[in-house]
Amino acid sequence: MPTLLQLDLARVAPEADGQSRKAFDDAGLRSLAASLKRSGVREPILVRPDGEAGRYRIVAGERRWRAAQLAGLAEIPCLVDERLAEPRARLLAQAEENLQREDLNVVEEAAVLVRLMEALSLDAGKAGDLIGRSYQQARRLLQVHQAPQVVKDAVVSRLVDARAALELVRIFNKLAQGNRPAKAVLT
């Protein structure tokens, strides 16, 4: 059963790997930090014991932790769950937490799917089931994950949406196979 504790920010650190979110919007962090400074942290972050006495690793809530640091807070509310020392449980908890966030982009969501596939030896359909995605949605996420980096960067930068990214992948694959369409004739 998780335990709610107020922990010193210095005793908490992000997981070395495994966070779905890779990019943290500076303006968004500053805005959240200002809110935390006024009202405090209202939603605890999820942590697991680190193995070193009194130290904890963030399973979910790294953005709130970073904003709390920016706000100059000394402590943060944490749900400490020892069951999350087990990698499968930690991975599922991270996936659930991150996919509930509206601001997780499709590239990050695709990375969550692939991490589940690799860590649990699952196919896209079964991994999709774990994160509440249909087989088709999981296949599309896998296509996004396998897209050239320039396409993923365009999605993260919001230059294209997921649907456009899939079309760009389809076009890229056609061109890579040498199946170039015939020249269009202008009339």
N, C-alpha and C. Protein backbone atom coordinates (compact mmCIF):
# COMPACT_ATOMS: atom_id res chain seq x y z
N MET A 1 0.84 -1.19 0.00
CA MET A 1 0.00 0.00 0.00
C MET A 1 0.88 1.25 0.00
N PRO A 2 0.64 2.19 -0.90
CA PRO A 2 1.45 3.42 -0.93
C PRO A 2 1.28 4.25 0.35
N THR A 3 2.34 4.96 0.70
CA THR A 3 2.35 5.82 1.87
C THR A 3 2.56 7.26 1.42
N LEU A 4 1.76 8.18 1.93
CA LEU A 4 1.90 9.59 1.60
C LEU A 4 2.89 10.23 2.56
N LEU A 5 3.99 10.80 2.01
CA LEU A 5 5.01 11.47 2.81
C LEU A 5 5.35 12.82 2.21
N GLN A 6 5.77 13.75 3.05
CA GLN A 6 6.34 15.02 2.61
C GLN A 6 7.84 14.78 2.58
N LEU A 7 8.45 14.84 1.40
CA LEU A 7 9.88 14.56 1.29
C LEU A 7 10.66 15.79 0.87
N ASP A 8 11.86 15.91 1.40
CA ASP A 8 12.80 16.95 0.99
C ASP A 8 13.10 16.75 -0.49
N LEU A 9 13.02 17.80 -1.28
CA LEU A 9 13.27 17.71 -2.73
C LEU A 9 14.63 17.10 -3.04
N ALA A 10 15.61 17.34 -2.19
CA ALA A 10 16.96 16.84 -2.43
C ALA A 10 17.05 15.31 -2.28
N ARG A 11 16.06 14.71 -1.62
CA ARG A 11 16.07 13.25 -1.44
C ARG A 11 15.39 12.52 -2.58
N VAL A 12 14.85 13.28 -3.52
CA VAL A 12 14.09 12.72 -4.64
C VAL A 12 14.81 13.05 -5.94
N ALA A 13 14.89 12.07 -6.83
CA ALA A 13 15.56 12.29 -8.13
C ALA A 13 14.80 11.53 -9.21
N PRO A 14 14.90 11.99 -10.45
CA PRO A 14 14.25 11.27 -11.56
C PRO A 14 14.91 9.90 -11.77
N GLU A 15 14.15 8.99 -12.36
CA GLU A 15 14.72 7.70 -12.76
C GLU A 15 15.82 7.99 -13.78
N ALA A 16 16.87 7.17 -13.77
CA ALA A 16 17.96 7.35 -14.73
C ALA A 16 17.45 7.21 -16.16
N ASP A 17 16.52 6.31 -16.36
CA ASP A 17 15.87 6.17 -17.65
C ASP A 17 14.42 5.81 -17.37
N GLY A 18 13.64 5.82 -18.41
CA GLY A 18 12.28 5.37 -18.21
C GLY A 18 11.23 6.46 -18.17
N GLN A 19 11.61 7.71 -18.13
CA GLN A 19 10.60 8.75 -18.18
C GLN A 19 10.13 8.90 -19.62
N SER A 20 8.81 8.97 -19.78
CA SER A 20 8.25 9.11 -21.13
C SER A 20 8.49 10.51 -21.67
N ARG A 21 8.33 11.48 -20.82
CA ARG A 21 8.48 12.86 -21.25
C ARG A 21 9.97 13.18 -21.32
N LYS A 22 10.39 13.64 -22.49
CA LYS A 22 11.80 14.00 -22.68
C LYS A 22 11.99 15.51 -22.72
N ALA A 23 10.98 16.20 -23.22
CA ALA A 23 11.08 17.66 -23.36
C ALA A 23 10.17 18.33 -22.34
N PHE A 24 10.71 19.27 -21.61
CA PHE A 24 9.94 20.03 -20.63
C PHE A 24 9.89 21.47 -21.11
N ASP A 25 8.70 21.96 -21.37
CA ASP A 25 8.49 23.32 -21.85
C ASP A 25 8.87 24.31 -20.75
N ASP A 26 9.86 25.17 -21.04
CA ASP A 26 10.34 26.12 -20.03
C ASP A 26 9.25 27.06 -19.55
N ALA A 27 8.46 27.59 -20.49
CA ALA A 27 7.40 28.53 -20.11
C ALA A 27 6.36 27.81 -19.25
N GLY A 28 6.02 26.60 -19.63
CA GLY A 28 5.05 25.82 -18.85
C GLY A 28 5.56 25.51 -17.46
N LEU A 29 6.86 25.17 -17.36
CA LEU A 29 7.45 24.89 -16.04
C LEU A 29 7.44 26.14 -15.16
N ARG A 30 7.78 27.29 -15.76
CA ARG A 30 7.78 28.54 -14.99
C ARG A 30 6.37 28.88 -14.51
N SER A 31 5.38 28.65 -15.38
CA SER A 31 3.99 28.91 -15.00
C SER A 31 3.55 27.98 -13.88
N LEU A 32 3.89 26.70 -13.99
CA LEU A 32 3.56 25.75 -12.93
C LEU A 32 4.29 26.11 -11.64
N ALA A 33 5.55 26.52 -11.75
CA ALA A 33 6.32 26.92 -10.56
C ALA A 33 5.66 28.10 -9.86
N ALA A 34 5.18 29.07 -10.62
CA ALA A 34 4.50 30.22 -10.03
C ALA A 34 3.24 29.77 -9.29
N SER A 35 2.51 28.84 -9.89
CA SER A 35 1.30 28.31 -9.26
C SER A 35 1.65 27.55 -7.97
N LEU A 36 2.71 26.75 -8.02
CA LEU A 36 3.12 25.99 -6.84
C LEU A 36 3.59 26.91 -5.72
N LYS A 37 4.23 28.00 -6.10
CA LYS A 37 4.71 28.97 -5.10
C LYS A 37 3.52 29.58 -4.36
N ARG A 38 2.44 29.85 -5.12
CA ARG A 38 1.24 30.44 -4.52
C ARG A 38 0.44 29.43 -3.69
N SER A 39 0.25 28.22 -4.27
CA SER A 39 -0.71 27.28 -3.69
C SER A 39 -0.10 25.99 -3.15
N GLY A 40 1.17 25.75 -3.44
CA GLY A 40 1.79 24.49 -3.03
C GLY A 40 1.48 23.38 -4.03
N VAL A 41 2.06 22.23 -3.79
CA VAL A 41 1.85 21.07 -4.66
C VAL A 41 0.62 20.35 -4.15
N ARG A 42 -0.41 20.30 -4.97
CA ARG A 42 -1.68 19.71 -4.54
C ARG A 42 -1.81 18.24 -4.90
N GLU A 43 -1.05 17.81 -5.88
CA GLU A 43 -1.10 16.41 -6.29
C GLU A 43 0.27 15.78 -6.05
N PRO A 44 0.33 14.75 -5.20
CA PRO A 44 1.63 14.15 -4.89
C PRO A 44 2.24 13.47 -6.11
N ILE A 45 3.55 13.38 -6.12
CA ILE A 45 4.24 12.64 -7.17
C ILE A 45 4.37 11.19 -6.69
N LEU A 46 4.61 10.29 -7.62
CA LEU A 46 4.74 8.87 -7.30
C LEU A 46 6.21 8.51 -7.31
N VAL A 47 6.68 7.95 -6.20
CA VAL A 47 8.10 7.60 -6.07
C VAL A 47 8.25 6.18 -5.55
N ARG A 48 9.48 5.66 -5.69
CA ARG A 48 9.84 4.36 -5.13
C ARG A 48 11.14 4.55 -4.36
N PRO A 49 11.35 3.72 -3.34
CA PRO A 49 12.64 3.79 -2.64
C PRO A 49 13.78 3.49 -3.61
N ASP A 50 14.88 4.20 -3.45
CA ASP A 50 16.01 4.09 -4.37
C ASP A 50 16.97 2.97 -4.00
N GLY A 51 16.89 2.45 -2.82
CA GLY A 51 17.86 1.45 -2.38
C GLY A 51 18.86 2.07 -1.43
N GLU A 52 19.18 3.32 -1.65
CA GLU A 52 20.03 4.07 -0.73
C GLU A 52 19.10 4.67 0.33
N ALA A 53 19.41 4.47 1.58
CA ALA A 53 18.54 4.90 2.67
C ALA A 53 18.10 6.35 2.53
N GLY A 54 16.79 6.55 2.58
CA GLY A 54 16.25 7.90 2.55
C GLY A 54 16.21 8.55 1.18
N ARG A 55 16.52 7.82 0.14
CA ARG A 55 16.52 8.37 -1.23
C ARG A 55 15.39 7.73 -2.02
N TYR A 56 14.83 8.50 -2.96
CA TYR A 56 13.69 8.03 -3.74
C TYR A 56 13.87 8.39 -5.21
N ARG A 57 13.27 7.58 -6.07
CA ARG A 57 13.28 7.81 -7.51
C ARG A 57 11.86 8.11 -7.97
N ILE A 58 11.73 9.09 -8.85
CA ILE A 58 10.43 9.49 -9.37
C ILE A 58 9.95 8.47 -10.40
N VAL A 59 8.76 7.95 -10.17
CA VAL A 59 8.12 7.07 -11.14
C VAL A 59 7.20 7.90 -12.02
N ALA A 60 6.49 8.85 -11.43
CA ALA A 60 5.60 9.74 -12.18
C ALA A 60 5.52 11.07 -11.44
N GLY A 61 5.59 12.15 -12.19
CA GLY A 61 5.48 13.48 -11.60
C GLY A 61 6.75 14.31 -11.69
N GLU A 62 7.64 13.96 -12.61
CA GLU A 62 8.91 14.69 -12.72
C GLU A 62 8.68 16.17 -13.03
N ARG A 63 7.67 16.49 -13.83
CA ARG A 63 7.41 17.89 -14.17
C ARG A 63 7.05 18.69 -12.92
N ARG A 64 6.21 18.14 -12.05
CA ARG A 64 5.87 18.82 -10.79
C ARG A 64 7.10 18.97 -9.91
N TRP A 65 7.96 17.95 -9.87
CA TRP A 65 9.19 18.00 -9.08
C TRP A 65 10.09 19.12 -9.59
N ARG A 66 10.25 19.21 -10.91
CA ARG A 66 11.08 20.27 -11.49
C ARG A 66 10.51 21.65 -11.18
N ALA A 67 9.19 21.79 -11.31
CA ALA A 67 8.55 23.07 -11.03
C ALA A 67 8.68 23.43 -9.55
N ALA A 68 8.59 22.44 -8.67
CA ALA A 68 8.76 22.69 -7.23
C ALA A 68 10.16 23.22 -6.95
N GLN A 69 11.16 22.67 -7.64
CA GLN A 69 12.53 23.18 -7.48
C GLN A 69 12.61 24.63 -7.95
N LEU A 70 12.02 24.91 -9.13
CA LEU A 70 12.03 26.29 -9.65
C LEU A 70 11.34 27.25 -8.68
N ALA A 71 10.29 26.76 -8.03
CA ALA A 71 9.54 27.61 -7.10
C ALA A 71 10.28 27.82 -5.79
N GLY A 72 11.37 27.09 -5.58
CA GLY A 72 12.14 27.23 -4.36
C GLY A 72 11.53 26.49 -3.18
N LEU A 73 10.67 25.53 -3.45
CA LEU A 73 10.07 24.75 -2.36
C LEU A 73 11.12 23.81 -1.77
N ALA A 74 10.98 23.49 -0.51
CA ALA A 74 11.92 22.59 0.15
C ALA A 74 11.43 21.15 0.12
N GLU A 75 10.10 20.98 0.12
CA GLU A 75 9.52 19.64 0.19
C GLU A 75 8.44 19.46 -0.88
N ILE A 76 8.13 18.18 -1.12
CA ILE A 76 7.08 17.85 -2.08
C ILE A 76 6.32 16.64 -1.55
N PRO A 77 4.97 16.64 -1.70
CA PRO A 77 4.22 15.46 -1.27
C PRO A 77 4.48 14.29 -2.22
N CYS A 78 4.71 13.12 -1.66
CA CYS A 78 5.04 11.93 -2.47
C CYS A 78 4.24 10.73 -2.00
N LEU A 79 3.76 9.96 -2.96
CA LEU A 79 3.21 8.65 -2.67
C LEU A 79 4.36 7.67 -2.84
N VAL A 80 4.79 7.08 -1.76
CA VAL A 80 5.90 6.12 -1.80
C VAL A 80 5.30 4.72 -1.93
N ASP A 81 5.65 4.05 -3.02
CA ASP A 81 5.10 2.72 -3.28
C ASP A 81 6.26 1.75 -3.49
N GLU A 82 6.48 0.90 -2.51
CA GLU A 82 7.59 -0.06 -2.58
C GLU A 82 7.38 -1.11 -3.65
N ARG A 83 6.14 -1.36 -4.06
CA ARG A 83 5.87 -2.34 -5.12
C ARG A 83 6.48 -1.91 -6.45
N LEU A 84 6.77 -0.62 -6.57
CA LEU A 84 7.30 -0.10 -7.82
C LEU A 84 8.79 -0.35 -7.97
N ALA A 85 9.39 -1.04 -7.02
CA ALA A 85 10.78 -1.45 -7.18
C ALA A 85 10.87 -2.50 -8.28
N GLU A 86 9.77 -3.23 -8.50
CA GLU A 86 9.72 -4.25 -9.55
C GLU A 86 9.53 -3.54 -10.90
N PRO A 87 10.43 -3.78 -11.87
CA PRO A 87 10.41 -3.04 -13.14
C PRO A 87 9.08 -3.09 -13.90
N ARG A 88 8.41 -4.24 -13.92
CA ARG A 88 7.14 -4.34 -14.66
C ARG A 88 6.09 -3.42 -14.04
N ALA A 89 5.99 -3.45 -12.71
CA ALA A 89 5.01 -2.60 -12.02
C ALA A 89 5.33 -1.13 -12.25
N ARG A 90 6.61 -0.78 -12.20
CA ARG A 90 7.03 0.60 -12.41
C ARG A 90 6.69 1.06 -13.83
N LEU A 91 6.97 0.22 -14.81
CA LEU A 91 6.70 0.54 -16.20
C LEU A 91 5.21 0.76 -16.44
N LEU A 92 4.39 -0.10 -15.88
CA LEU A 92 2.94 0.05 -16.05
C LEU A 92 2.43 1.31 -15.34
N ALA A 93 2.96 1.60 -14.16
CA ALA A 93 2.55 2.81 -13.44
C ALA A 93 2.94 4.07 -14.22
N GLN A 94 4.15 4.08 -14.79
CA GLN A 94 4.58 5.22 -15.60
C GLN A 94 3.69 5.38 -16.82
N ALA A 95 3.39 4.28 -17.48
CA ALA A 95 2.55 4.33 -18.67
C ALA A 95 1.18 4.90 -18.33
N GLU A 96 0.57 4.37 -17.28
CA GLU A 96 -0.76 4.84 -16.88
C GLU A 96 -0.74 6.33 -16.53
N GLU A 97 0.22 6.73 -15.73
CA GLU A 97 0.29 8.14 -15.31
C GLU A 97 0.51 9.06 -16.50
N ASN A 98 1.49 8.71 -17.34
CA ASN A 98 1.82 9.59 -18.45
C ASN A 98 0.74 9.66 -19.51
N LEU A 99 0.05 8.56 -19.74
CA LEU A 99 -0.99 8.57 -20.77
C LEU A 99 -2.25 9.28 -20.30
N GLN A 100 -2.38 9.52 -19.00
CA GLN A 100 -3.52 10.29 -18.50
C GLN A 100 -3.32 11.79 -18.71
N ARG A 101 -2.08 12.17 -18.94
CA ARG A 101 -1.76 13.58 -19.16
C ARG A 101 -2.12 13.97 -20.58
N GLU A 102 -2.81 15.08 -20.74
CA GLU A 102 -3.21 15.53 -22.07
C GLU A 102 -2.04 16.04 -22.88
N ASP A 103 -0.99 16.49 -22.23
CA ASP A 103 0.10 17.14 -22.96
C ASP A 103 1.21 16.19 -23.39
N LEU A 104 1.01 14.89 -23.25
CA LEU A 104 1.99 13.92 -23.76
C LEU A 104 1.82 13.87 -25.27
N ASN A 105 2.88 14.15 -26.03
CA ASN A 105 2.72 14.15 -27.47
C ASN A 105 2.77 12.72 -28.01
N VAL A 106 2.37 12.56 -29.27
CA VAL A 106 2.24 11.23 -29.87
C VAL A 106 3.59 10.51 -29.95
N VAL A 107 4.69 11.25 -30.08
CA VAL A 107 6.02 10.63 -30.12
C VAL A 107 6.34 10.03 -28.75
N GLU A 108 6.03 10.77 -27.68
CA GLU A 108 6.24 10.25 -26.33
C GLU A 108 5.32 9.07 -26.05
N GLU A 109 4.07 9.16 -26.51
CA GLU A 109 3.13 8.06 -26.33
C GLU A 109 3.62 6.81 -27.06
N ALA A 110 4.16 7.01 -28.26
CA ALA A 110 4.71 5.89 -29.03
C ALA A 110 5.89 5.26 -28.29
N ALA A 111 6.70 6.09 -27.65
CA ALA A 111 7.84 5.57 -26.89
C ALA A 111 7.36 4.72 -25.70
N VAL A 112 6.26 5.12 -25.07
CA VAL A 112 5.69 4.34 -23.97
C VAL A 112 5.29 2.96 -24.49
N LEU A 113 4.60 2.94 -25.63
CA LEU A 113 4.17 1.67 -26.22
C LEU A 113 5.36 0.76 -26.50
N VAL A 114 6.39 1.31 -27.12
CA VAL A 114 7.56 0.50 -27.49
C VAL A 114 8.29 0.01 -26.24
N ARG A 115 8.40 0.85 -25.22
CA ARG A 115 9.04 0.40 -23.97
C ARG A 115 8.29 -0.78 -23.36
N LEU A 116 6.95 -0.72 -23.39
CA LEU A 116 6.16 -1.84 -22.89
C LEU A 116 6.39 -3.09 -23.74
N MET A 117 6.41 -2.91 -25.06
CA MET A 117 6.63 -4.04 -25.96
C MET A 117 7.97 -4.71 -25.67
N GLU A 118 9.01 -3.91 -25.54
CA GLU A 118 10.36 -4.45 -25.33
C GLU A 118 10.52 -5.04 -23.94
N ALA A 119 10.06 -4.33 -22.92
CA ALA A 119 10.27 -4.78 -21.54
C ALA A 119 9.46 -6.02 -21.20
N LEU A 120 8.27 -6.13 -21.79
CA LEU A 120 7.39 -7.24 -21.44
C LEU A 120 7.27 -8.28 -22.55
N SER A 121 8.06 -8.11 -23.61
CA SER A 121 8.03 -9.04 -24.76
C SER A 121 6.61 -9.19 -25.32
N LEU A 122 5.99 -8.07 -25.62
CA LEU A 122 4.63 -8.06 -26.13
C LEU A 122 4.61 -7.58 -27.58
N ASP A 123 3.56 -7.96 -28.31
CA ASP A 123 3.37 -7.39 -29.63
C ASP A 123 2.61 -6.07 -29.45
N ALA A 124 2.46 -5.32 -30.54
CA ALA A 124 1.84 -4.00 -30.46
C ALA A 124 0.41 -4.08 -29.93
N GLY A 125 -0.33 -5.10 -30.35
CA GLY A 125 -1.72 -5.23 -29.91
C GLY A 125 -1.84 -5.42 -28.41
N LYS A 126 -1.03 -6.30 -27.86
CA LYS A 126 -1.09 -6.58 -26.41
C LYS A 126 -0.58 -5.38 -25.60
N ALA A 127 0.47 -4.73 -26.07
CA ALA A 127 0.96 -3.53 -25.39
C ALA A 127 -0.09 -2.42 -25.48
N GLY A 128 -0.74 -2.32 -26.63
CA GLY A 128 -1.81 -1.34 -26.79
C GLY A 128 -2.93 -1.57 -25.79
N ASP A 129 -3.30 -2.84 -25.58
CA ASP A 129 -4.34 -3.16 -24.59
C ASP A 129 -3.97 -2.64 -23.20
N LEU A 130 -2.68 -2.77 -22.84
CA LEU A 130 -2.24 -2.33 -21.51
C LEU A 130 -2.39 -0.83 -21.31
N ILE A 131 -2.29 -0.08 -22.39
CA ILE A 131 -2.39 1.38 -22.27
C ILE A 131 -3.72 1.92 -22.79
N GLY A 132 -4.67 1.00 -23.02
CA GLY A 132 -6.01 1.42 -23.41
C GLY A 132 -6.11 1.89 -24.85
N ARG A 133 -5.31 1.32 -25.72
CA ARG A 133 -5.34 1.68 -27.14
C ARG A 133 -5.77 0.47 -27.96
N SER A 134 -6.54 0.71 -29.01
CA SER A 134 -6.95 -0.38 -29.89
C SER A 134 -5.74 -0.89 -30.66
N TYR A 135 -5.93 -2.02 -31.32
CA TYR A 135 -4.85 -2.57 -32.13
C TYR A 135 -4.42 -1.56 -33.19
N GLN A 136 -5.39 -0.94 -33.87
CA GLN A 136 -5.06 0.04 -34.92
C GLN A 136 -4.30 1.24 -34.35
N GLN A 137 -4.74 1.74 -33.21
CA GLN A 137 -4.04 2.87 -32.58
C GLN A 137 -2.62 2.48 -32.22
N ALA A 138 -2.45 1.27 -31.70
CA ALA A 138 -1.11 0.80 -31.32
C ALA A 138 -0.23 0.68 -32.56
N ARG A 139 -0.77 0.17 -33.65
CA ARG A 139 0.01 0.05 -34.90
C ARG A 139 0.43 1.44 -35.40
N ARG A 140 -0.46 2.40 -35.30
CA ARG A 140 -0.13 3.77 -35.74
C ARG A 140 0.96 4.36 -34.85
N LEU A 141 0.86 4.12 -33.54
CA LEU A 141 1.91 4.61 -32.64
C LEU A 141 3.25 3.97 -32.97
N LEU A 142 3.24 2.70 -33.30
CA LEU A 142 4.47 2.01 -33.68
C LEU A 142 5.05 2.62 -34.95
N GLN A 143 4.19 2.97 -35.90
CA GLN A 143 4.67 3.63 -37.13
C GLN A 143 5.30 4.98 -36.81
N VAL A 144 4.69 5.72 -35.92
CA VAL A 144 5.26 7.01 -35.53
C VAL A 144 6.61 6.79 -34.88
N HIS A 145 6.71 5.79 -34.01
CA HIS A 145 7.98 5.51 -33.35
C HIS A 145 9.09 5.16 -34.35
N GLN A 146 8.72 4.48 -35.41
CA GLN A 146 9.69 4.05 -36.41
C GLN A 146 9.94 5.10 -37.48
N ALA A 147 9.28 6.23 -37.39
CA ALA A 147 9.42 7.30 -38.38
C ALA A 147 10.83 7.89 -38.34
N PRO A 148 11.26 8.47 -39.45
CA PRO A 148 12.55 9.17 -39.44
C PRO A 148 12.52 10.29 -38.39
N GLN A 149 13.67 10.58 -37.84
CA GLN A 149 13.75 11.57 -36.76
C GLN A 149 13.18 12.92 -37.17
N VAL A 150 13.37 13.31 -38.42
CA VAL A 150 12.87 14.61 -38.87
C VAL A 150 11.34 14.67 -38.75
N VAL A 151 10.67 13.56 -39.00
CA VAL A 151 9.21 13.52 -38.87
C VAL A 151 8.83 13.60 -37.39
N LYS A 152 9.53 12.86 -36.54
CA LYS A 152 9.24 12.92 -35.10
C LYS A 152 9.48 14.32 -34.55
N ASP A 153 10.56 14.95 -35.00
CA ASP A 153 10.85 16.32 -34.55
C ASP A 153 9.74 17.28 -34.97
N ALA A 154 9.20 17.08 -36.17
CA ALA A 154 8.11 17.94 -36.66
C ALA A 154 6.85 17.76 -35.81
N VAL A 155 6.60 16.53 -35.36
CA VAL A 155 5.44 16.28 -34.50
C VAL A 155 5.65 16.94 -33.15
N VAL A 156 6.82 16.75 -32.55
CA VAL A 156 7.12 17.33 -31.24
C VAL A 156 7.05 18.86 -31.30
N SER A 157 7.50 19.43 -32.40
CA SER A 157 7.47 20.89 -32.57
C SER A 157 6.10 21.41 -32.98
N ARG A 158 5.17 20.49 -33.17
CA ARG A 158 3.78 20.81 -33.56
C ARG A 158 3.70 21.43 -34.96
N LEU A 159 4.67 21.08 -35.80
CA LEU A 159 4.59 21.51 -37.19
C LEU A 159 3.63 20.63 -37.98
N VAL A 160 3.51 19.37 -37.56
CA VAL A 160 2.55 18.44 -38.15
C VAL A 160 1.87 17.67 -37.02
N ASP A 161 0.66 17.20 -37.30
CA ASP A 161 -0.03 16.36 -36.30
C ASP A 161 0.25 14.90 -36.60
N ALA A 162 -0.31 14.02 -35.78
CA ALA A 162 -0.04 12.59 -35.92
C ALA A 162 -0.50 12.05 -37.26
N ARG A 163 -1.65 12.49 -37.73
CA ARG A 163 -2.17 12.02 -39.01
C ARG A 163 -1.22 12.40 -40.15
N ALA A 164 -0.75 13.64 -40.13
CA ALA A 164 0.20 14.08 -41.16
C ALA A 164 1.51 13.32 -41.05
N ALA A 165 1.93 13.03 -39.82
CA ALA A 165 3.18 12.28 -39.62
C ALA A 165 3.07 10.90 -40.25
N LEU A 166 1.92 10.25 -40.08
CA LEU A 166 1.74 8.92 -40.68
C LEU A 166 1.78 9.00 -42.20
N GLU A 167 1.21 10.03 -42.75
CA GLU A 167 1.25 10.21 -44.21
C GLU A 167 2.69 10.46 -44.68
N LEU A 168 3.43 11.25 -43.92
CA LEU A 168 4.83 11.49 -44.27
C LEU A 168 5.64 10.19 -44.20
N VAL A 169 5.36 9.35 -43.21
CA VAL A 169 6.03 8.06 -43.11
C VAL A 169 5.70 7.20 -44.33
N ARG A 170 4.42 7.18 -44.72
CA ARG A 170 4.00 6.40 -45.90
C ARG A 170 4.75 6.87 -47.14
N ILE A 171 4.81 8.18 -47.33
CA ILE A 171 5.51 8.75 -48.49
C ILE A 171 7.00 8.42 -48.41
N PHE A 172 7.59 8.60 -47.24
CA PHE A 172 9.01 8.30 -47.06
C PHE A 172 9.32 6.85 -47.42
N ASN A 173 8.47 5.94 -46.93
CA ASN A 173 8.68 4.52 -47.21
C ASN A 173 8.57 4.21 -48.70
N LYS A 174 7.63 4.83 -49.37
CA LYS A 174 7.50 4.64 -50.83
C LYS A 174 8.75 5.12 -51.54
N LEU A 175 9.23 6.29 -51.16
CA LEU A 175 10.42 6.84 -51.79
C LEU A 175 11.65 5.99 -51.48
N ALA A 176 11.74 5.50 -50.26
CA ALA A 176 12.88 4.68 -49.86
C ALA A 176 12.91 3.35 -50.63
N GLN A 177 11.75 2.86 -51.01
CA GLN A 177 11.66 1.61 -51.76
C GLN A 177 11.88 1.82 -53.26
N GLY A 178 12.00 3.06 -53.66
CA GLY A 178 12.20 3.34 -55.09
C GLY A 178 10.91 3.35 -55.87
N ASN A 179 9.78 3.34 -55.18
CA ASN A 179 8.48 3.37 -55.86
C ASN A 179 8.01 4.81 -56.03
N ARG A 180 8.78 5.56 -56.73
CA ARG A 180 8.43 6.98 -56.89
C ARG A 180 7.25 7.10 -57.84
N PRO A 181 6.28 7.93 -57.49
CA PRO A 181 5.10 8.10 -58.35
C PRO A 181 5.51 8.77 -59.66
N ALA A 182 4.72 8.53 -60.67
CA ALA A 182 4.97 9.15 -61.97
C ALA A 182 4.81 10.65 -61.83
N LYS A 183 5.51 11.39 -62.68
CA LYS A 183 5.41 12.85 -62.63
C LYS A 183 4.00 13.30 -62.92
N ALA A 184 3.57 14.26 -62.15
CA ALA A 184 2.24 14.82 -62.40
C ALA A 184 2.30 15.69 -63.64
N VAL A 185 1.23 15.63 -64.40
CA VAL A 185 1.16 16.44 -65.61
C VAL A 185 0.25 17.63 -65.31
N LEU A 186 0.77 18.81 -65.52
CA LEU A 186 -0.01 20.02 -65.29
C LEU A 186 -0.76 20.38 -66.56
N THR A 187 -2.00 20.70 -66.44
CA THR A 187 -2.77 21.12 -67.63
C THR A 187 -3.30 22.50 -67.46
